[in-house]
Amino acid sequence: MHAANDLRSTLEKHAPLLLALLLVLLSARMLKKTFWSLFGIYMALHYSGIHPFG
């Protein structure tokens, strides 16, 4: 039973760090997808003759 308490203590100690790491990874993935989507839209407009930024 002592090992179960040690495991719970370890999980409680590291849970905020793991949650923060998961949040960082998910937000980085979202930013990457957003960037490539916007880049694709820009290039589609650019090659179709519409130049959004000049």
C-alpha atoms as a PDB file:
ATOM      1  CA  MET A   1       0.000   0.000   0.000  1.00  0.00           C
ATOM      2  CA  HIS A   2       2.947   2.280   0.610  1.00  0.00           C
ATOM      3  CA  ALA A   3       3.954   2.094  -3.066  1.00  0.00           C
ATOM      4  CA  ALA A   4       0.493   3.284  -4.144  1.00  0.00           C
ATOM      5  CA  ASN A   5       0.795   6.335  -1.889  1.00  0.00           C
ATOM      6  CA  ASP A   6       4.248   7.105  -3.308  1.00  0.00           C
ATOM      7  CA  LEU A   7       2.868   6.862  -6.852  1.00  0.00           C
ATOM      8  CA  ARG A   8      -0.007   9.171  -6.011  1.00  0.00           C
ATOM      9  CA  SER A   9       2.360  11.677  -4.423  1.00  0.00           C
ATOM     10  CA  THR A  10       4.591  11.584  -7.494  1.00  0.00           C
ATOM     11  CA  LEU A  11       1.631  12.091  -9.828  1.00  0.00           C
ATOM     12  CA  GLU A  12       0.311  14.984  -7.756  1.00  0.00           C
ATOM     13  CA  LYS A  13       3.740  16.588  -7.734  1.00  0.00           C
ATOM     14  CA  HIS A  14       4.279  16.297 -11.494  1.00  0.00           C
ATOM     15  CA  ALA A  15       0.700  16.773 -12.714  1.00  0.00           C
ATOM     16  CA  PRO A  16       0.937  20.581 -13.222  1.00  0.00           C
ATOM     17  CA  LEU A  17       4.146  20.172 -15.231  1.00  0.00           C
ATOM     18  CA  LEU A  18       2.624  17.442 -17.393  1.00  0.00           C
ATOM     19  CA  LEU A  19      -0.526  19.487 -17.981  1.00  0.00           C
ATOM     20  CA  ALA A  20       1.527  22.541 -18.934  1.00  0.00           C
ATOM     21  CA  LEU A  21       3.610  20.455 -21.337  1.00  0.00           C
ATOM     22  CA  LEU A  22       0.467  19.023 -22.914  1.00  0.00           C
ATOM     23  CA  LEU A  23      -0.997  22.518 -23.275  1.00  0.00           C
ATOM     24  CA  VAL A  24       2.189  23.789 -24.930  1.00  0.00           C
ATOM     25  CA  LEU A  25       2.264  20.863 -27.372  1.00  0.00           C
ATOM     26  CA  LEU A  26      -1.391  21.266 -28.328  1.00  0.00           C
ATOM     27  CA  SER A  27      -1.116  25.028 -28.794  1.00  0.00           C
ATOM     28  CA  ALA A  28       2.040  24.602 -30.889  1.00  0.00           C
ATOM     29  CA  ARG A  29       0.223  22.104 -33.101  1.00  0.00           C
ATOM     30  CA  MET A  30      -2.696  24.506 -33.467  1.00  0.00           C
ATOM     31  CA  LEU A  31      -0.394  27.395 -34.389  1.00  0.00           C
ATOM     32  CA  LYS A  32       1.398  25.228 -36.939  1.00  0.00           C
ATOM     33  CA  LYS A  33      -1.859  24.194 -38.592  1.00  0.00           C
ATOM     34  CA  THR A  34      -3.089  27.789 -38.595  1.00  0.00           C
ATOM     35  CA  PHE A  35       0.149  29.056 -40.130  1.00  0.00           C
ATOM     36  CA  TRP A  36       0.133  26.506 -42.954  1.00  0.00           C
ATOM     37  CA  SER A  37      -3.558  27.095 -43.666  1.00  0.00           C
ATOM     38  CA  LEU A  38      -3.047  30.841 -43.939  1.00  0.00           C
ATOM     39  CA  PHE A  39       0.079  30.334 -46.030  1.00  0.00           C
ATOM     40  CA  GLY A  40      -1.835  28.039 -48.392  1.00  0.00           C
ATOM     41  CA  ILE A  41      -4.644  30.567 -48.762  1.00  0.00           C
ATOM     42  CA  TYR A  42      -2.135  33.337 -49.429  1.00  0.00           C
ATOM     43  CA  MET A  43      -0.282  31.321 -52.065  1.00  0.00           C
ATOM     44  CA  ALA A  44      -3.541  30.315 -53.752  1.00  0.00           C
ATOM     45  CA  LEU A  45      -4.545  33.967 -53.988  1.00  0.00           C
ATOM     46  CA  HIS A  46      -1.069  35.002 -55.094  1.00  0.00           C
ATOM     47  CA  TYR A  47      -0.869  32.475 -57.927  1.00  0.00           C
ATOM     48  CA  SER A  48      -4.418  33.246 -59.046  1.00  0.00           C
ATOM     49  CA  GLY A  49      -3.411  36.853 -59.678  1.00  0.00           C
ATOM     50  CA  ILE A  50      -4.741  38.434 -56.499  1.00  0.00           C
ATOM     51  CA  HIS A  51      -1.893  39.986 -54.514  1.00  0.00           C
ATOM     52  CA  PRO A  52      -3.223  40.736 -51.026  1.00  0.00           C
ATOM     53  CA  PHE A  53      -0.143  42.683 -49.827  1.00  0.00           C
ATOM     54  CA  GLY A  54       0.772  44.639 -52.897  1.00  0.00           C
END
